[in-house]
N, C-alpha and C. Protein backbone atom coordinates (compact mmCIF):
# COMPACT_ATOMS: atom_id res chain seq x y z
N MET A 1 -32.92 -35.00 83.56
CA MET A 1 -33.41 -36.44 82.79
C MET A 1 -32.64 -37.27 82.61
N VAL A 2 -32.74 -38.76 83.03
CA VAL A 2 -32.08 -39.87 83.06
C VAL A 2 -31.80 -40.23 81.78
N ILE A 3 -30.69 -40.71 81.91
CA ILE A 3 -29.50 -40.79 80.44
C ILE A 3 -29.80 -42.66 80.93
N ALA A 4 -30.09 -43.63 79.87
CA ALA A 4 -30.12 -44.40 79.63
C ALA A 4 -29.18 -45.22 79.16
N ARG A 5 -28.97 -45.95 79.80
CA ARG A 5 -27.05 -46.99 79.67
C ARG A 5 -27.95 -48.64 79.94
N LYS A 6 -26.99 -49.66 79.15
CA LYS A 6 -27.12 -50.75 79.39
C LYS A 6 -26.60 -51.22 80.41
N LEU A 7 -27.12 -52.15 81.43
CA LEU A 7 -27.07 -52.67 82.90
C LEU A 7 -25.70 -53.76 82.07
N ASP A 8 -25.05 -54.11 82.70
CA ASP A 8 -23.86 -54.37 83.24
C ASP A 8 -24.19 -55.87 83.35
N ALA A 9 -24.01 -57.19 83.37
CA ALA A 9 -23.98 -58.14 83.79
C ALA A 9 -24.57 -58.65 85.17
N ARG A 10 -23.87 -58.05 86.35
CA ARG A 10 -24.82 -58.35 87.79
C ARG A 10 -25.60 -57.23 87.92
N GLU A 11 -26.11 -56.57 86.90
CA GLU A 11 -26.93 -55.12 87.51
C GLU A 11 -28.20 -56.36 86.68
N GLU A 12 -28.12 -56.95 85.25
CA GLU A 12 -28.93 -57.53 84.60
C GLU A 12 -29.25 -58.87 85.56
N ARG A 13 -28.46 -59.62 86.22
CA ARG A 13 -28.71 -60.42 86.87
C ARG A 13 -29.75 -59.83 87.82
N ALA A 14 -29.28 -59.02 88.79
CA ALA A 14 -29.93 -58.15 90.14
C ALA A 14 -31.62 -58.56 89.42
N LEU A 15 -31.72 -57.78 88.53
CA LEU A 15 -32.67 -56.75 87.71
C LEU A 15 -33.84 -58.33 87.35
N GLN A 16 -33.45 -59.20 86.93
CA GLN A 16 -33.38 -60.29 86.74
C GLN A 16 -34.32 -61.28 87.61
N ASN A 17 -33.32 -61.28 88.88
CA ASN A 17 -33.58 -61.60 90.41
C ASN A 17 -34.57 -60.88 91.06
N LEU A 18 -34.82 -59.86 90.74
CA LEU A 18 -35.36 -58.82 91.31
C LEU A 18 -37.26 -59.10 90.60
N LYS A 19 -37.11 -59.40 89.43
CA LYS A 19 -38.55 -59.05 88.95
C LYS A 19 -39.23 -60.89 89.15
N ALA A 20 -38.59 -61.85 89.74
CA ALA A 20 -39.00 -63.10 89.79
C ALA A 20 -39.67 -63.02 91.00
N ILE A 21 -39.02 -62.17 92.06
CA ILE A 21 -39.23 -62.08 93.67
C ILE A 21 -40.24 -61.25 93.45
N TRP A 22 -40.64 -59.91 92.71
CA TRP A 22 -41.77 -59.48 92.78
C TRP A 22 -42.90 -60.50 91.97
N ASN A 23 -42.65 -60.92 90.81
CA ASN A 23 -43.66 -61.60 89.73
C ASN A 23 -44.56 -62.41 90.98
N GLU A 24 -43.59 -63.01 91.89
CA GLU A 24 -44.00 -63.95 93.18
C GLU A 24 -44.44 -63.09 94.28
N ARG A 25 -44.11 -62.48 94.68
CA ARG A 25 -44.66 -61.59 96.07
C ARG A 25 -46.41 -60.57 95.41
N LYS A 26 -46.22 -60.29 94.48
CA LYS A 26 -47.69 -59.55 93.88
C LYS A 26 -48.48 -60.01 93.84
N GLU A 27 -48.71 -61.79 93.42
CA GLU A 27 -49.51 -62.63 93.24
C GLU A 27 -49.69 -63.06 94.61
N THR A 28 -48.92 -63.33 95.22
CA THR A 28 -49.53 -63.90 96.78
C THR A 28 -49.84 -62.81 97.28
N HIS A 29 -49.50 -61.75 97.48
CA HIS A 29 -49.20 -60.69 98.67
C HIS A 29 -50.61 -59.73 98.16
N ASN A 30 -50.88 -59.73 96.52
CA ASN A 30 -51.73 -59.08 95.89
C ASN A 30 -50.63 -57.45 96.07
N LEU A 31 -49.68 -56.88 95.78
CA LEU A 31 -49.13 -55.71 95.79
C LEU A 31 -49.31 -55.38 94.46
N THR A 32 -48.83 -54.01 94.30
CA THR A 32 -48.88 -52.95 93.14
C THR A 32 -47.62 -52.12 93.48
N HIS A 33 -47.17 -51.74 92.11
CA HIS A 33 -46.49 -50.57 92.24
C HIS A 33 -46.42 -49.95 92.92
N ARG A 34 -47.22 -48.94 92.96
CA ARG A 34 -47.85 -48.40 94.37
C ARG A 34 -47.58 -48.84 95.69
N ASP A 35 -47.85 -49.85 95.84
CA ASP A 35 -47.16 -50.06 97.17
C ASP A 35 -45.88 -50.30 97.75
N VAL A 36 -44.97 -50.66 96.86
CA VAL A 36 -43.84 -50.65 96.63
C VAL A 36 -43.20 -49.58 97.00
N ASN A 37 -43.65 -48.75 95.63
CA ASN A 37 -43.24 -46.89 96.20
C ASN A 37 -43.59 -46.32 97.18
N LYS A 38 -44.91 -46.18 97.37
CA LYS A 38 -45.28 -45.80 99.07
C LYS A 38 -44.69 -46.25 100.10
N ALA A 39 -44.10 -47.37 100.18
CA ALA A 39 -43.74 -48.07 101.58
C ALA A 39 -42.13 -47.56 101.55
N MET A 40 -41.90 -47.33 100.27
CA MET A 40 -40.16 -46.87 99.90
C MET A 40 -39.97 -45.72 99.98
N GLY A 41 -40.97 -45.01 100.25
CA GLY A 41 -41.33 -43.55 99.71
C GLY A 41 -40.02 -42.74 99.07
N TRP A 42 -40.13 -43.50 97.66
CA TRP A 42 -40.16 -43.33 96.59
C TRP A 42 -41.61 -42.62 95.52
N SER A 43 -41.40 -41.69 94.27
CA SER A 43 -42.44 -41.40 93.69
C SER A 43 -42.86 -42.74 92.72
N ASN A 44 -44.43 -41.93 92.13
CA ASN A 44 -44.97 -43.10 91.54
C ASN A 44 -44.15 -44.22 90.60
N SER A 45 -43.10 -43.63 90.34
CA SER A 45 -42.52 -44.22 88.71
C SER A 45 -41.23 -45.21 89.08
N VAL A 46 -40.64 -44.88 90.47
CA VAL A 46 -39.87 -45.29 90.51
C VAL A 46 -39.23 -46.46 90.45
N PHE A 47 -40.37 -47.75 91.42
CA PHE A 47 -40.31 -48.90 91.31
C PHE A 47 -40.38 -49.74 90.02
N GLY A 48 -41.12 -48.72 89.20
CA GLY A 48 -41.51 -49.46 87.97
C GLY A 48 -40.04 -49.06 87.03
N GLN A 49 -39.42 -48.17 87.00
CA GLN A 49 -37.93 -47.64 86.25
C GLN A 49 -36.81 -49.00 86.94
N TYR A 50 -36.75 -49.49 88.13
CA TYR A 50 -35.62 -50.41 88.62
C TYR A 50 -36.49 -51.50 88.22
N LEU A 51 -37.20 -51.99 88.09
CA LEU A 51 -38.11 -53.28 87.09
C LEU A 51 -37.81 -53.06 85.76
N THR A 52 -37.63 -52.39 84.78
CA THR A 52 -37.62 -52.37 83.40
C THR A 52 -36.12 -51.73 83.50
N GLY A 53 -35.56 -51.85 84.73
CA GLY A 53 -33.77 -51.32 84.11
C GLY A 53 -33.06 -50.25 83.62
N ARG A 54 -34.30 -48.91 83.66
CA ARG A 54 -34.17 -46.98 83.52
C ARG A 54 -32.91 -47.24 84.62
N ILE A 55 -33.27 -47.60 85.58
CA ILE A 55 -32.35 -47.50 86.79
C ILE A 55 -31.49 -48.69 87.62
N ALA A 56 -30.52 -48.19 87.40
CA ALA A 56 -29.73 -49.92 87.88
C ALA A 56 -29.83 -50.02 89.72
N LEU A 57 -30.00 -50.94 89.64
CA LEU A 57 -30.61 -51.45 91.45
C LEU A 57 -28.80 -50.93 92.23
N ASN A 58 -28.77 -50.50 93.36
CA ASN A 58 -27.48 -49.89 94.20
C ASN A 58 -27.83 -51.12 95.08
N PRO A 59 -26.23 -51.30 95.51
CA PRO A 59 -26.52 -51.98 97.29
C PRO A 59 -27.70 -51.49 98.20
N LYS A 60 -27.82 -50.22 98.19
CA LYS A 60 -28.48 -49.63 99.11
C LYS A 60 -29.97 -49.80 98.90
N THR A 61 -31.03 -49.90 97.51
CA THR A 61 -31.52 -50.15 96.89
C THR A 61 -32.10 -51.69 97.01
N VAL A 62 -31.05 -52.24 97.04
CA VAL A 62 -31.11 -53.83 96.98
C VAL A 62 -31.47 -54.00 98.67
N MET A 63 -30.86 -53.63 99.70
CA MET A 63 -30.97 -53.64 100.88
C MET A 63 -32.76 -53.84 101.44
N ALA A 64 -32.72 -52.34 101.00
CA ALA A 64 -34.60 -51.53 101.02
C ALA A 64 -35.18 -52.74 100.52
N LEU A 65 -35.30 -53.27 99.55
CA LEU A 65 -36.32 -53.96 98.90
C LEU A 65 -35.66 -55.47 99.61
N ALA A 66 -34.84 -56.06 99.67
CA ALA A 66 -35.00 -57.31 100.40
C ALA A 66 -36.13 -57.17 101.72
N ASP A 67 -35.41 -55.88 102.42
CA ASP A 67 -36.29 -55.79 103.62
C ASP A 67 -37.60 -55.37 103.44
N TYR A 68 -38.35 -55.00 102.44
CA TYR A 68 -39.66 -55.01 102.39
C TYR A 68 -40.06 -56.41 101.66
N PHE A 69 -38.94 -56.97 100.87
CA PHE A 69 -39.95 -58.41 100.76
C PHE A 69 -39.63 -59.30 101.24
N TYR A 70 -38.20 -59.46 101.89
CA TYR A 70 -38.54 -59.96 103.58
C TYR A 70 -38.51 -61.42 102.63
N CYS A 71 -36.76 -61.28 102.49
CA CYS A 71 -35.68 -61.58 101.72
C CYS A 71 -34.36 -61.64 101.85
N TYR A 72 -33.61 -62.27 101.29
CA TYR A 72 -32.02 -61.85 101.37
C TYR A 72 -31.72 -60.99 100.55
N PRO A 73 -30.57 -59.60 100.80
CA PRO A 73 -30.09 -59.08 99.85
C PRO A 73 -29.93 -59.98 98.49
N THR A 74 -28.55 -60.72 98.91
CA THR A 74 -28.07 -61.96 97.53
C THR A 74 -29.12 -62.55 97.05
N ASP A 75 -30.62 -62.52 97.74
CA ASP A 75 -31.72 -63.28 96.80
C ASP A 75 -31.87 -62.64 95.76
N ILE A 76 -31.91 -60.98 95.82
CA ILE A 76 -31.60 -59.87 94.84
C ILE A 76 -30.24 -60.06 93.67
N ASP A 77 -29.38 -59.35 94.52
CA ASP A 77 -27.53 -59.53 94.00
C ASP A 77 -27.21 -61.01 94.46
N PRO A 78 -27.29 -61.99 94.24
CA PRO A 78 -25.77 -62.67 94.50
C PRO A 78 -24.88 -62.37 94.72
N LYS A 79 -23.95 -61.33 94.71
CA LYS A 79 -22.82 -60.88 94.20
C LYS A 79 -22.79 -59.75 95.20
N LEU A 80 -23.66 -59.57 96.08
CA LEU A 80 -23.23 -58.26 97.33
C LEU A 80 -22.91 -58.16 98.59
N LYS A 81 -21.68 -58.11 98.30
CA LYS A 81 -21.05 -58.16 99.51
C LYS A 81 -21.16 -57.30 100.72
N VAL A 82 -21.57 -57.57 101.89
CA VAL A 82 -21.87 -56.01 102.79
C VAL A 82 -20.68 -56.44 104.48
N GLN A 83 -19.62 -55.75 104.19
CA GLN A 83 -18.61 -55.59 104.90
C GLN A 83 -19.68 -56.04 107.16
N THR A 84 -19.34 -56.59 107.53
CA THR A 84 -19.75 -56.73 108.61
C THR A 84 -19.09 -55.59 109.29
N LYS A 85 -19.44 -55.19 110.55
CA LYS A 85 -19.64 -54.27 110.94
C LYS A 85 -18.90 -54.95 112.76
N GLU A 86 -18.04 -54.25 113.21
CA GLU A 86 -17.45 -54.56 114.34
C GLU A 86 -18.62 -54.25 115.27
N SER A 87 -19.43 -53.59 115.40
CA SER A 87 -20.95 -53.81 116.46
C SER A 87 -21.72 -54.89 116.12
N GLN A 88 -21.88 -55.07 114.92
CA GLN A 88 -22.54 -56.39 115.06
C GLN A 88 -22.03 -57.66 115.51
N VAL A 89 -20.51 -57.99 115.72
CA VAL A 89 -20.00 -58.42 116.16
C VAL A 89 -20.52 -58.54 117.68
N ASP A 90 -20.09 -57.33 118.09
CA ASP A 90 -20.25 -57.49 119.62
C ASP A 90 -22.07 -57.77 119.81
N VAL A 91 -22.79 -57.54 119.30
CA VAL A 91 -24.04 -58.17 119.21
C VAL A 91 -23.59 -59.78 118.73
N VAL A 92 -23.41 -60.54 118.26
CA VAL A 92 -23.63 -62.06 118.43
C VAL A 92 -22.46 -62.10 119.80
N ALA A 93 -21.73 -61.68 120.20
CA ALA A 93 -21.13 -61.85 121.74
C ALA A 93 -22.29 -62.10 122.57
N HIS A 94 -22.42 -60.92 122.85
CA HIS A 94 -23.56 -60.91 123.53
C HIS A 94 -25.17 -61.47 123.39
N ALA A 95 -25.13 -62.31 122.86
CA ALA A 95 -26.31 -63.05 122.01
C ALA A 95 -26.91 -64.45 122.94
N VAL A 96 -26.22 -64.51 123.90
CA VAL A 96 -25.65 -65.44 124.86
C VAL A 96 -26.64 -65.07 125.81
N LEU A 97 -27.28 -64.27 126.43
CA LEU A 97 -28.05 -63.50 126.98
C LEU A 97 -29.63 -63.36 126.65
N LEU A 98 -29.73 -64.11 125.02
CA LEU A 98 -30.98 -63.52 124.60
C LEU A 98 -32.00 -65.29 124.71
N GLU A 99 -33.05 -64.79 124.79
CA GLU A 99 -33.69 -66.69 124.85
C GLU A 99 -33.80 -67.19 123.30
N PRO A 100 -33.75 -68.78 123.38
CA PRO A 100 -34.12 -69.24 122.12
C PRO A 100 -34.36 -68.51 120.98
N GLN A 101 -35.76 -68.30 121.38
CA GLN A 101 -36.24 -67.69 120.03
C GLN A 101 -35.94 -66.12 119.70
N ALA A 102 -35.75 -65.19 120.78
CA ALA A 102 -34.77 -64.19 120.68
C ALA A 102 -33.28 -64.44 119.34
N LYS A 103 -32.81 -65.11 119.91
CA LYS A 103 -31.81 -65.63 119.27
C LYS A 103 -31.82 -66.38 117.36
N LYS A 104 -33.20 -67.43 117.56
CA LYS A 104 -33.21 -67.38 116.13
C LYS A 104 -33.50 -65.87 115.58
N ASP A 105 -34.53 -65.26 115.67
CA ASP A 105 -34.90 -64.15 115.16
C ASP A 105 -33.57 -63.06 115.13
N LEU A 106 -33.12 -62.96 115.75
CA LEU A 106 -31.39 -62.34 115.85
C LEU A 106 -30.62 -63.03 114.84
N ALA A 107 -30.54 -64.25 114.36
CA ALA A 107 -30.01 -64.85 113.19
C ALA A 107 -30.12 -64.45 111.90
N PHE A 108 -31.33 -64.46 111.97
CA PHE A 108 -32.09 -63.74 110.46
C PHE A 108 -31.76 -62.83 109.97
N LEU A 109 -32.19 -61.46 111.64
CA LEU A 109 -32.02 -60.42 110.75
C LEU A 109 -30.64 -60.05 110.74
N LEU A 110 -29.53 -60.29 110.91
CA LEU A 110 -28.26 -60.23 111.31
C LEU A 110 -27.37 -60.89 109.93
N SER A 111 -28.17 -62.19 109.94
CA SER A 111 -27.77 -62.71 107.98
C SER A 111 -28.28 -62.07 107.63
N LYS A 112 -29.30 -61.35 106.97
CA LYS A 112 -29.67 -60.26 106.08
C LYS A 112 -28.62 -59.54 105.50
N GLN A 113 -28.03 -59.21 106.59
CA GLN A 113 -26.70 -57.67 106.29
C GLN A 113 -25.31 -58.54 106.27
N LEU A 114 -24.84 -59.59 106.44
CA LEU A 114 -23.78 -60.45 106.75
C LEU A 114 -23.52 -60.82 105.47
N ALA A 115 -21.70 -61.01 105.13
CA ALA A 115 -21.64 -61.62 103.76
C ALA A 115 -21.90 -63.35 104.19
N THR A 116 -21.44 -63.97 102.98
CA THR A 116 -21.64 -65.27 103.13
C THR A 116 -21.16 -66.18 104.54
N THR A 117 -19.91 -66.30 104.53
CA THR A 117 -19.15 -66.83 105.63
C THR A 117 -19.34 -66.25 106.88
N ASP A 118 -19.21 -65.00 106.81
CA ASP A 118 -20.04 -65.13 108.43
C ASP A 118 -21.68 -65.00 108.90
N GLN A 119 -22.39 -65.03 107.86
CA GLN A 119 -23.97 -65.75 108.10
C GLN A 119 -23.97 -67.41 108.83
N MET A 120 -22.44 -67.67 108.17
CA MET A 120 -22.44 -69.16 108.19
C MET A 120 -22.00 -69.10 109.62
N GLN A 121 -20.80 -68.83 110.42
CA GLN A 121 -20.12 -67.99 111.36
C GLN A 121 -21.69 -67.93 112.64
N LEU A 122 -21.99 -66.72 112.07
CA LEU A 122 -23.68 -66.53 112.98
C LEU A 122 -24.65 -67.73 113.79
N MET A 123 -24.68 -68.30 112.39
CA MET A 123 -25.66 -69.15 112.58
C MET A 123 -25.04 -70.81 113.14
N LYS A 124 -23.98 -70.50 113.14
CA LYS A 124 -23.01 -72.11 114.36
C LYS A 124 -23.22 -71.52 115.48
N THR A 125 -22.84 -70.38 116.04
CA THR A 125 -22.82 -69.58 117.58
C THR A 125 -23.79 -69.74 117.88
N LEU A 126 -24.93 -69.45 117.08
CA LEU A 126 -26.34 -69.04 117.67
C LEU A 126 -27.16 -70.56 117.87
N VAL A 127 -26.68 -71.88 116.70
CA VAL A 127 -27.66 -72.68 116.86
C VAL A 127 -26.21 -73.41 118.27
N ASP A 128 -25.35 -73.54 118.25
CA ASP A 128 -24.79 -74.10 119.87
C ASP A 128 -25.59 -73.22 120.90
N GLU A 129 -25.57 -72.26 120.97
CA GLU A 129 -26.11 -71.57 122.28
C GLU A 129 -27.69 -72.34 122.22
N ILE A 130 -27.51 -72.36 121.85
CA ILE A 130 -29.43 -72.56 121.70
C ILE A 130 -29.95 -74.02 121.67
N THR A 131 -28.72 -75.27 121.38
CA THR A 131 -28.43 -76.39 121.91
C THR A 131 -27.86 -77.17 122.95
N GLN A 132 -27.61 -75.60 123.79
CA GLN A 132 -26.74 -75.59 125.17
C GLN A 132 -27.43 -75.23 125.78
N SER A 133 -28.55 -74.35 125.74
CA SER A 133 -29.47 -73.95 126.32
C SER A 133 -30.40 -74.58 126.91
N LYS A 134 -30.47 -75.44 125.69
CA LYS A 134 -31.49 -76.44 126.11
C LYS A 134 -31.60 -77.92 126.74
N ASN A 135 -30.03 -77.86 127.03
CA ASN A 135 -29.49 -79.21 127.76
C ASN A 135 -29.59 -79.00 129.44
């Protein structure tokens, strides 16, 4: 049995952001709750429970939904901060070996997992590399 509780301000904001993303995506991509539940590996009612606030969004769920909706996790929960792992920094250090388009793709994928300050540093590093490789 799920015990309902009132969402705090952060959870409520994340819920409202998720609803806005959902409303836009369901129209443009003709999606249903069933599509989301199936893609996430959830039972039929789980996504609806997130959208109604019956289940509060947690960071793991925010990350999964951001991947599904192809948006940044902070588009759903602006306060979400994901710690940069040391291995991710190593990937950035080796990004100089990639082709320009691969660098752009890497920047987008990694930026979804980094804190805002780290996103900016990653983007600057990769833009500098792309610019230098064109010269």
